[in-house]
Amino acid sequence: MTQESIFLPVLGMAFLTFLVLVLIPMRRFRAVFRKEVGPDDFALGESAAVPGHVALANRNYMNLLELPVLFYVVCGALFVTGNVDGLAVGLAWAYVAVRALHSLVHLTYNRVIHRLALFAASNVVLVMLWTVFAIRVWPSAA
C-alpha cells in the first residue's frame, strides 16, 4: 500500500460533494419551472417559500462541507507524516461509504432516525481515523 492510497477515498468524498452540488441547481430550476417558487426566493440563499424537497440538496451539500473538513485534514496529515496503511485507508473508505449512505437517505426518503444513525456512525469512523493518527504521531511528537 502506497502513501498515495489515502487520496482515493479523498477523491471519493470530493466526488460525492460535487454530485450533491449538481443536484442543487437541478432541484431549484425544476421548482421554478413548476412554479413552486420564483427566482427571487433564492436571492438570499433560500427563503421560507422554498419547499423542503428543494432545500434538501443545499442542506446536504452544506453537511458535506462541515465535518468532512476534518476528514480531509486527517487524510492529509496521515500522508504528510507517512502513516498511511491498510487500516487508515479502510477507515477512510468506511467514512466515505457511510457519508454516501447518509446523503442517499437525506436526499431520498429522509427518515430522520436513519439519517441520525448514519451521521453518528460516520462521526465514530472519523474519530477512529483521528485516533489512529494521534496514536501514530504521539510517540514521535513527544
N, C-alpha and C. Protein backbone atom coordinates (compact mmCIF):
# COMPACT_ATOMS: atom_id res chain seq x y z
N MET A 1 0.86 -1.19 0.00
CA MET A 1 0.00 0.00 0.00
C MET A 1 0.89 1.24 0.00
N THR A 2 0.62 2.13 -0.94
CA THR A 2 1.41 3.35 -1.01
C THR A 2 0.78 4.45 -0.15
N GLN A 3 1.57 5.43 0.18
CA GLN A 3 1.06 6.57 0.94
C GLN A 3 -0.03 7.30 0.15
N GLU A 4 0.09 7.30 -1.16
CA GLU A 4 -0.88 7.99 -2.02
C GLU A 4 -2.25 7.33 -1.99
N SER A 5 -2.34 6.09 -1.48
CA SER A 5 -3.62 5.37 -1.43
C SER A 5 -4.68 6.12 -0.63
N ILE A 6 -4.26 6.96 0.29
CA ILE A 6 -5.21 7.70 1.12
C ILE A 6 -6.00 8.71 0.29
N PHE A 7 -5.46 9.07 -0.88
CA PHE A 7 -6.14 10.06 -1.69
C PHE A 7 -7.30 9.49 -2.51
N LEU A 8 -7.40 8.18 -2.63
CA LEU A 8 -8.55 7.60 -3.34
C LEU A 8 -9.85 7.84 -2.57
N PRO A 9 -9.92 7.57 -1.27
CA PRO A 9 -11.15 7.94 -0.56
C PRO A 9 -11.37 9.45 -0.52
N VAL A 10 -10.31 10.23 -0.51
CA VAL A 10 -10.46 11.69 -0.57
C VAL A 10 -11.14 12.07 -1.88
N LEU A 11 -10.70 11.47 -2.98
CA LEU A 11 -11.35 11.72 -4.27
C LEU A 11 -12.80 11.26 -4.25
N GLY A 12 -13.07 10.14 -3.59
CA GLY A 12 -14.44 9.66 -3.46
C GLY A 12 -15.32 10.65 -2.72
N MET A 13 -14.80 11.21 -1.65
CA MET A 13 -15.56 12.19 -0.87
C MET A 13 -15.79 13.46 -1.69
N ALA A 14 -14.77 13.89 -2.42
CA ALA A 14 -14.91 15.07 -3.28
C ALA A 14 -15.95 14.81 -4.37
N PHE A 15 -15.93 13.61 -4.95
CA PHE A 15 -16.91 13.25 -5.98
C PHE A 15 -18.33 13.31 -5.41
N LEU A 16 -18.52 12.75 -4.22
CA LEU A 16 -19.84 12.80 -3.58
C LEU A 16 -20.28 14.25 -3.39
N THR A 17 -19.39 15.09 -2.94
CA THR A 17 -19.71 16.50 -2.70
C THR A 17 -20.10 17.19 -4.01
N PHE A 18 -19.34 16.94 -5.07
CA PHE A 18 -19.67 17.54 -6.36
C PHE A 18 -20.99 17.01 -6.92
N LEU A 19 -21.26 15.74 -6.68
CA LEU A 19 -22.52 15.14 -7.13
C LEU A 19 -23.71 15.83 -6.48
N VAL A 20 -23.62 16.05 -5.18
CA VAL A 20 -24.70 16.75 -4.48
C VAL A 20 -24.78 18.20 -4.93
N LEU A 21 -23.63 18.81 -5.21
CA LEU A 21 -23.62 20.19 -5.70
C LEU A 21 -24.42 20.31 -7.00
N VAL A 22 -24.32 19.33 -7.87
CA VAL A 22 -25.05 19.34 -9.14
C VAL A 22 -26.56 19.25 -8.91
N LEU A 23 -26.97 18.59 -7.83
CA LEU A 23 -28.39 18.45 -7.54
C LEU A 23 -29.06 19.78 -7.18
N ILE A 24 -28.30 20.69 -6.61
CA ILE A 24 -28.88 21.96 -6.14
C ILE A 24 -29.54 22.73 -7.29
N PRO A 25 -28.79 23.08 -8.35
CA PRO A 25 -29.47 23.82 -9.42
C PRO A 25 -30.55 23.00 -10.13
N MET A 26 -30.33 21.67 -10.21
CA MET A 26 -31.35 20.84 -10.85
C MET A 26 -32.68 20.95 -10.11
N ARG A 27 -32.63 20.83 -8.78
CA ARG A 27 -33.86 20.91 -8.00
C ARG A 27 -34.44 22.32 -7.99
N ARG A 28 -33.57 23.30 -7.96
CA ARG A 28 -34.05 24.69 -7.96
C ARG A 28 -34.72 25.05 -9.28
N PHE A 29 -34.06 24.73 -10.40
CA PHE A 29 -34.66 25.03 -11.71
C PHE A 29 -35.97 24.28 -11.89
N ARG A 30 -36.02 23.03 -11.49
CA ARG A 30 -37.25 22.24 -11.61
C ARG A 30 -38.38 22.91 -10.82
N ALA A 31 -38.08 23.38 -9.61
CA ALA A 31 -39.09 24.03 -8.78
C ALA A 31 -39.57 25.34 -9.41
N VAL A 32 -38.64 26.08 -10.03
CA VAL A 32 -39.03 27.34 -10.68
C VAL A 32 -39.90 27.03 -11.91
N PHE A 33 -39.49 26.05 -12.70
CA PHE A 33 -40.28 25.70 -13.89
C PHE A 33 -41.67 25.18 -13.53
N ARG A 34 -41.77 24.53 -12.38
CA ARG A 34 -43.08 24.03 -11.93
C ARG A 34 -43.88 25.11 -11.20
N LYS A 35 -43.29 26.28 -11.11
CA LYS A 35 -43.93 27.44 -10.46
C LYS A 35 -44.19 27.20 -8.96
N GLU A 36 -43.35 26.35 -8.35
CA GLU A 36 -43.43 26.15 -6.90
C GLU A 36 -42.80 27.33 -6.17
N VAL A 37 -41.83 27.95 -6.83
CA VAL A 37 -41.14 29.13 -6.30
C VAL A 37 -40.75 30.02 -7.47
N GLY A 38 -40.34 31.22 -7.14
CA GLY A 38 -39.83 32.13 -8.16
C GLY A 38 -38.34 32.33 -7.95
N PRO A 39 -37.64 32.85 -8.93
CA PRO A 39 -36.20 33.07 -8.80
C PRO A 39 -35.82 33.92 -7.59
N ASP A 40 -36.68 34.88 -7.24
CA ASP A 40 -36.39 35.76 -6.11
C ASP A 40 -36.36 35.01 -4.77
N ASP A 41 -36.97 33.83 -4.73
CA ASP A 41 -36.95 33.04 -3.50
C ASP A 41 -35.55 32.52 -3.17
N PHE A 42 -34.63 32.66 -4.13
CA PHE A 42 -33.25 32.22 -3.91
C PHE A 42 -32.28 33.40 -3.82
N ALA A 43 -32.81 34.62 -3.78
CA ALA A 43 -31.97 35.81 -3.79
C ALA A 43 -30.99 35.85 -2.63
N LEU A 44 -31.40 35.41 -1.46
CA LEU A 44 -30.54 35.43 -0.27
C LEU A 44 -30.25 34.02 0.21
N GLY A 45 -30.13 33.09 -0.69
CA GLY A 45 -29.95 31.70 -0.33
C GLY A 45 -31.24 30.97 -0.60
N GLU A 46 -31.98 30.72 0.46
CA GLU A 46 -33.29 30.07 0.31
C GLU A 46 -34.27 30.72 1.28
N SER A 47 -35.40 31.14 0.73
CA SER A 47 -36.42 31.75 1.57
C SER A 47 -37.33 30.67 2.16
N ALA A 48 -38.22 31.10 3.01
CA ALA A 48 -39.17 30.18 3.62
C ALA A 48 -40.13 29.58 2.59
N ALA A 49 -40.23 30.21 1.43
CA ALA A 49 -41.13 29.72 0.39
C ALA A 49 -40.57 28.50 -0.35
N VAL A 50 -39.28 28.23 -0.18
CA VAL A 50 -38.66 27.10 -0.89
C VAL A 50 -39.11 25.80 -0.24
N PRO A 51 -39.70 24.90 -1.03
CA PRO A 51 -40.17 23.63 -0.47
C PRO A 51 -39.00 22.78 0.06
N GLY A 52 -39.30 21.97 1.04
CA GLY A 52 -38.28 21.14 1.67
C GLY A 52 -37.53 20.26 0.70
N HIS A 53 -38.23 19.65 -0.26
CA HIS A 53 -37.56 18.75 -1.20
C HIS A 53 -36.56 19.48 -2.08
N VAL A 54 -36.72 20.78 -2.22
CA VAL A 54 -35.78 21.59 -2.99
C VAL A 54 -34.60 22.00 -2.10
N ALA A 55 -34.90 22.36 -0.87
CA ALA A 55 -33.86 22.82 0.06
C ALA A 55 -32.94 21.70 0.53
N LEU A 56 -33.41 20.45 0.48
CA LEU A 56 -32.62 19.34 0.99
C LEU A 56 -31.25 19.20 0.34
N ALA A 57 -31.18 19.37 -0.96
CA ALA A 57 -29.89 19.23 -1.64
C ALA A 57 -28.89 20.26 -1.13
N ASN A 58 -29.35 21.49 -0.93
CA ASN A 58 -28.48 22.54 -0.41
C ASN A 58 -28.04 22.22 1.01
N ARG A 59 -28.95 21.73 1.84
CA ARG A 59 -28.62 21.38 3.22
C ARG A 59 -27.62 20.22 3.26
N ASN A 60 -27.83 19.22 2.39
CA ASN A 60 -26.91 18.09 2.36
C ASN A 60 -25.53 18.53 1.89
N TYR A 61 -25.50 19.42 0.92
CA TYR A 61 -24.23 19.96 0.43
C TYR A 61 -23.49 20.67 1.56
N MET A 62 -24.20 21.46 2.34
CA MET A 62 -23.57 22.14 3.47
C MET A 62 -23.03 21.12 4.47
N ASN A 63 -23.78 20.03 4.70
CA ASN A 63 -23.30 18.96 5.58
C ASN A 63 -21.97 18.41 5.07
N LEU A 64 -21.84 18.29 3.75
CA LEU A 64 -20.64 17.72 3.16
C LEU A 64 -19.46 18.69 3.18
N LEU A 65 -19.71 19.92 3.58
CA LEU A 65 -18.63 20.91 3.70
C LEU A 65 -18.31 21.23 5.16
N GLU A 66 -19.01 20.63 6.09
CA GLU A 66 -18.80 20.92 7.50
C GLU A 66 -17.82 19.91 8.12
N LEU A 67 -18.32 18.88 8.74
CA LEU A 67 -17.48 17.90 9.42
C LEU A 67 -16.48 17.19 8.50
N PRO A 68 -16.80 16.93 7.23
CA PRO A 68 -15.81 16.30 6.37
C PRO A 68 -14.51 17.08 6.23
N VAL A 69 -14.49 18.34 6.60
CA VAL A 69 -13.23 19.09 6.60
C VAL A 69 -12.20 18.35 7.47
N LEU A 70 -12.66 17.81 8.61
CA LEU A 70 -11.75 17.07 9.48
C LEU A 70 -11.28 15.77 8.82
N PHE A 71 -12.10 15.20 7.95
CA PHE A 71 -11.70 14.02 7.18
C PHE A 71 -10.55 14.38 6.23
N TYR A 72 -10.72 15.47 5.50
CA TYR A 72 -9.68 15.89 4.57
C TYR A 72 -8.37 16.21 5.30
N VAL A 73 -8.49 16.86 6.44
CA VAL A 73 -7.30 17.23 7.21
C VAL A 73 -6.56 15.99 7.70
N VAL A 74 -7.28 15.03 8.28
CA VAL A 74 -6.60 13.84 8.82
C VAL A 74 -6.00 13.00 7.70
N CYS A 75 -6.66 12.94 6.56
CA CYS A 75 -6.08 12.19 5.44
C CYS A 75 -4.78 12.86 4.97
N GLY A 76 -4.80 14.18 4.87
CA GLY A 76 -3.57 14.90 4.52
C GLY A 76 -2.48 14.72 5.56
N ALA A 77 -2.87 14.75 6.83
CA ALA A 77 -1.90 14.58 7.91
C ALA A 77 -1.30 13.18 7.91
N LEU A 78 -2.12 12.17 7.65
CA LEU A 78 -1.61 10.80 7.54
C LEU A 78 -0.59 10.70 6.41
N PHE A 79 -0.88 11.33 5.29
CA PHE A 79 0.03 11.29 4.15
C PHE A 79 1.34 12.00 4.47
N VAL A 80 1.24 13.21 4.99
CA VAL A 80 2.44 14.02 5.26
C VAL A 80 3.37 13.34 6.26
N THR A 81 2.78 12.68 7.25
CA THR A 81 3.60 12.03 8.28
C THR A 81 4.00 10.60 7.91
N GLY A 82 3.58 10.12 6.75
CA GLY A 82 3.95 8.78 6.31
C GLY A 82 3.27 7.67 7.10
N ASN A 83 2.08 7.93 7.59
CA ASN A 83 1.36 6.96 8.41
C ASN A 83 0.17 6.31 7.72
N VAL A 84 0.18 6.27 6.40
CA VAL A 84 -0.90 5.64 5.66
C VAL A 84 -0.65 4.13 5.61
N ASP A 85 -1.66 3.36 6.00
CA ASP A 85 -1.60 1.90 5.88
C ASP A 85 -3.00 1.39 5.59
N GLY A 86 -3.15 0.09 5.56
CA GLY A 86 -4.44 -0.51 5.25
C GLY A 86 -5.54 -0.09 6.20
N LEU A 87 -5.23 0.02 7.49
CA LEU A 87 -6.23 0.43 8.47
C LEU A 87 -6.72 1.84 8.18
N ALA A 88 -5.80 2.75 7.94
CA ALA A 88 -6.17 4.15 7.68
C ALA A 88 -6.99 4.26 6.40
N VAL A 89 -6.57 3.57 5.36
CA VAL A 89 -7.31 3.63 4.09
C VAL A 89 -8.67 2.97 4.25
N GLY A 90 -8.74 1.87 4.98
CA GLY A 90 -10.03 1.21 5.22
C GLY A 90 -10.99 2.09 5.98
N LEU A 91 -10.49 2.77 7.01
CA LEU A 91 -11.34 3.69 7.77
C LEU A 91 -11.77 4.87 6.90
N ALA A 92 -10.87 5.35 6.06
CA ALA A 92 -11.21 6.47 5.19
C ALA A 92 -12.32 6.07 4.22
N TRP A 93 -12.20 4.86 3.64
CA TRP A 93 -13.26 4.39 2.73
C TRP A 93 -14.57 4.16 3.49
N ALA A 94 -14.46 3.67 4.70
CA ALA A 94 -15.68 3.47 5.51
C ALA A 94 -16.37 4.80 5.75
N TYR A 95 -15.60 5.84 6.04
CA TYR A 95 -16.18 7.17 6.25
C TYR A 95 -16.92 7.64 4.99
N VAL A 96 -16.27 7.49 3.85
CA VAL A 96 -16.90 7.92 2.59
C VAL A 96 -18.18 7.12 2.34
N ALA A 97 -18.13 5.83 2.58
CA ALA A 97 -19.31 4.98 2.35
C ALA A 97 -20.48 5.39 3.25
N VAL A 98 -20.20 5.62 4.52
CA VAL A 98 -21.28 5.98 5.44
C VAL A 98 -21.82 7.37 5.11
N ARG A 99 -20.94 8.29 4.73
CA ARG A 99 -21.42 9.62 4.34
C ARG A 99 -22.25 9.55 3.06
N ALA A 100 -21.88 8.67 2.14
CA ALA A 100 -22.67 8.50 0.92
C ALA A 100 -24.05 7.94 1.26
N LEU A 101 -24.11 6.98 2.18
CA LEU A 101 -25.40 6.45 2.61
C LEU A 101 -26.23 7.53 3.30
N HIS A 102 -25.57 8.34 4.12
CA HIS A 102 -26.25 9.45 4.79
C HIS A 102 -26.87 10.39 3.74
N SER A 103 -26.10 10.74 2.73
CA SER A 103 -26.62 11.62 1.67
C SER A 103 -27.77 10.96 0.93
N LEU A 104 -27.65 9.68 0.67
CA LEU A 104 -28.71 8.96 -0.04
C LEU A 104 -30.03 9.00 0.75
N VAL A 105 -29.94 8.74 2.05
CA VAL A 105 -31.14 8.80 2.89
C VAL A 105 -31.67 10.23 2.94
N HIS A 106 -30.78 11.18 3.15
CA HIS A 106 -31.19 12.59 3.27
C HIS A 106 -31.89 13.07 2.01
N LEU A 107 -31.39 12.67 0.86
CA LEU A 107 -31.90 13.20 -0.40
C LEU A 107 -33.06 12.39 -0.98
N THR A 108 -33.38 11.26 -0.34
CA THR A 108 -34.50 10.46 -0.85
C THR A 108 -35.65 10.45 0.15
N TYR A 109 -35.74 9.43 0.95
CA TYR A 109 -36.90 9.32 1.83
C TYR A 109 -36.74 10.08 3.15
N ASN A 110 -35.52 10.45 3.52
CA ASN A 110 -35.23 11.38 4.62
C ASN A 110 -35.83 11.00 5.98
N ARG A 111 -35.74 9.75 6.34
CA ARG A 111 -36.18 9.32 7.67
C ARG A 111 -35.11 9.76 8.67
N VAL A 112 -35.47 10.62 9.59
CA VAL A 112 -34.52 11.26 10.49
C VAL A 112 -33.73 10.24 11.32
N ILE A 113 -34.38 9.22 11.83
CA ILE A 113 -33.67 8.25 12.67
C ILE A 113 -32.61 7.50 11.87
N HIS A 114 -32.89 7.20 10.62
CA HIS A 114 -31.90 6.54 9.76
C HIS A 114 -30.74 7.49 9.46
N ARG A 115 -31.09 8.73 9.17
CA ARG A 115 -30.07 9.74 8.90
C ARG A 115 -29.18 9.95 10.12
N LEU A 116 -29.81 10.03 11.29
CA LEU A 116 -29.06 10.22 12.53
C LEU A 116 -28.10 9.06 12.79
N ALA A 117 -28.58 7.84 12.59
CA ALA A 117 -27.73 6.67 12.81
C ALA A 117 -26.52 6.69 11.88
N LEU A 118 -26.74 7.05 10.63
CA LEU A 118 -25.63 7.11 9.68
C LEU A 118 -24.69 8.27 9.99
N PHE A 119 -25.25 9.41 10.38
CA PHE A 119 -24.42 10.55 10.76
C PHE A 119 -23.55 10.20 11.96
N ALA A 120 -24.16 9.56 12.96
CA ALA A 120 -23.41 9.16 14.15
C ALA A 120 -22.33 8.14 13.79
N ALA A 121 -22.67 7.18 12.94
CA ALA A 121 -21.69 6.17 12.52
C ALA A 121 -20.52 6.83 11.80
N SER A 122 -20.81 7.80 10.95
CA SER A 122 -19.72 8.47 10.23
C SER A 122 -18.82 9.23 11.21
N ASN A 123 -19.41 9.81 12.24
CA ASN A 123 -18.61 10.52 13.23
C ASN A 123 -17.73 9.57 14.03
N VAL A 124 -18.26 8.38 14.34
CA VAL A 124 -17.46 7.37 15.04
C VAL A 124 -16.27 6.97 14.18
N VAL A 125 -16.50 6.73 12.90
CA VAL A 125 -15.41 6.36 11.99
C VAL A 125 -14.38 7.48 11.91
N LEU A 126 -14.85 8.72 11.85
CA LEU A 126 -13.93 9.85 11.78
C LEU A 126 -13.10 9.97 13.05
N VAL A 127 -13.71 9.77 14.20
CA VAL A 127 -12.96 9.79 15.47
C VAL A 127 -11.94 8.65 15.49
N MET A 128 -12.32 7.49 14.98
CA MET A 128 -11.38 6.37 14.91
C MET A 128 -10.19 6.71 14.02
N LEU A 129 -10.44 7.36 12.90
CA LEU A 129 -9.36 7.76 12.00
C LEU A 129 -8.42 8.75 12.67
N TRP A 130 -8.98 9.71 13.38
CA TRP A 130 -8.16 10.66 14.12
C TRP A 130 -7.39 9.98 15.25
N THR A 131 -8.02 8.99 15.89
CA THR A 131 -7.35 8.26 16.97
C THR A 131 -6.14 7.49 16.42
N VAL A 132 -6.33 6.84 15.28
CA VAL A 132 -5.22 6.13 14.64
C VAL A 132 -4.08 7.12 14.36
N PHE A 133 -4.42 8.25 13.81
CA PHE A 133 -3.39 9.26 13.53
C PHE A 133 -2.70 9.72 14.81
N ALA A 134 -3.48 10.03 15.84
CA ALA A 134 -2.91 10.52 17.10
C ALA A 134 -1.98 9.50 17.74
N ILE A 135 -2.38 8.24 17.73
CA ILE A 135 -1.54 7.19 18.32
C ILE A 135 -0.23 7.06 17.57
N ARG A 136 -0.29 7.20 16.27
CA ARG A 136 0.92 7.04 15.45
C ARG A 136 1.87 8.22 15.55
N VAL A 137 1.38 9.43 15.73
CA VAL A 137 2.27 10.58 15.78
C VAL A 137 2.65 10.95 17.21
N TRP A 138 1.90 10.50 18.19
CA TRP A 138 2.16 10.89 19.58
C TRP A 138 3.57 10.54 20.04
N PRO A 139 4.04 9.29 19.84
CA PRO A 139 5.38 8.96 20.33
C PRO A 139 6.48 9.80 19.70
N SER A 140 6.34 10.11 18.42
CA SER A 140 7.40 10.89 17.76
C SER A 140 7.29 12.38 18.06
N ALA A 141 6.13 12.83 18.52
CA ALA A 141 5.96 14.25 18.83
C ALA A 141 6.44 14.56 20.24
N ALA A 142 6.53 13.56 21.10
CA ALA A 142 6.91 13.80 22.50
C ALA A 142 8.40 13.98 22.68
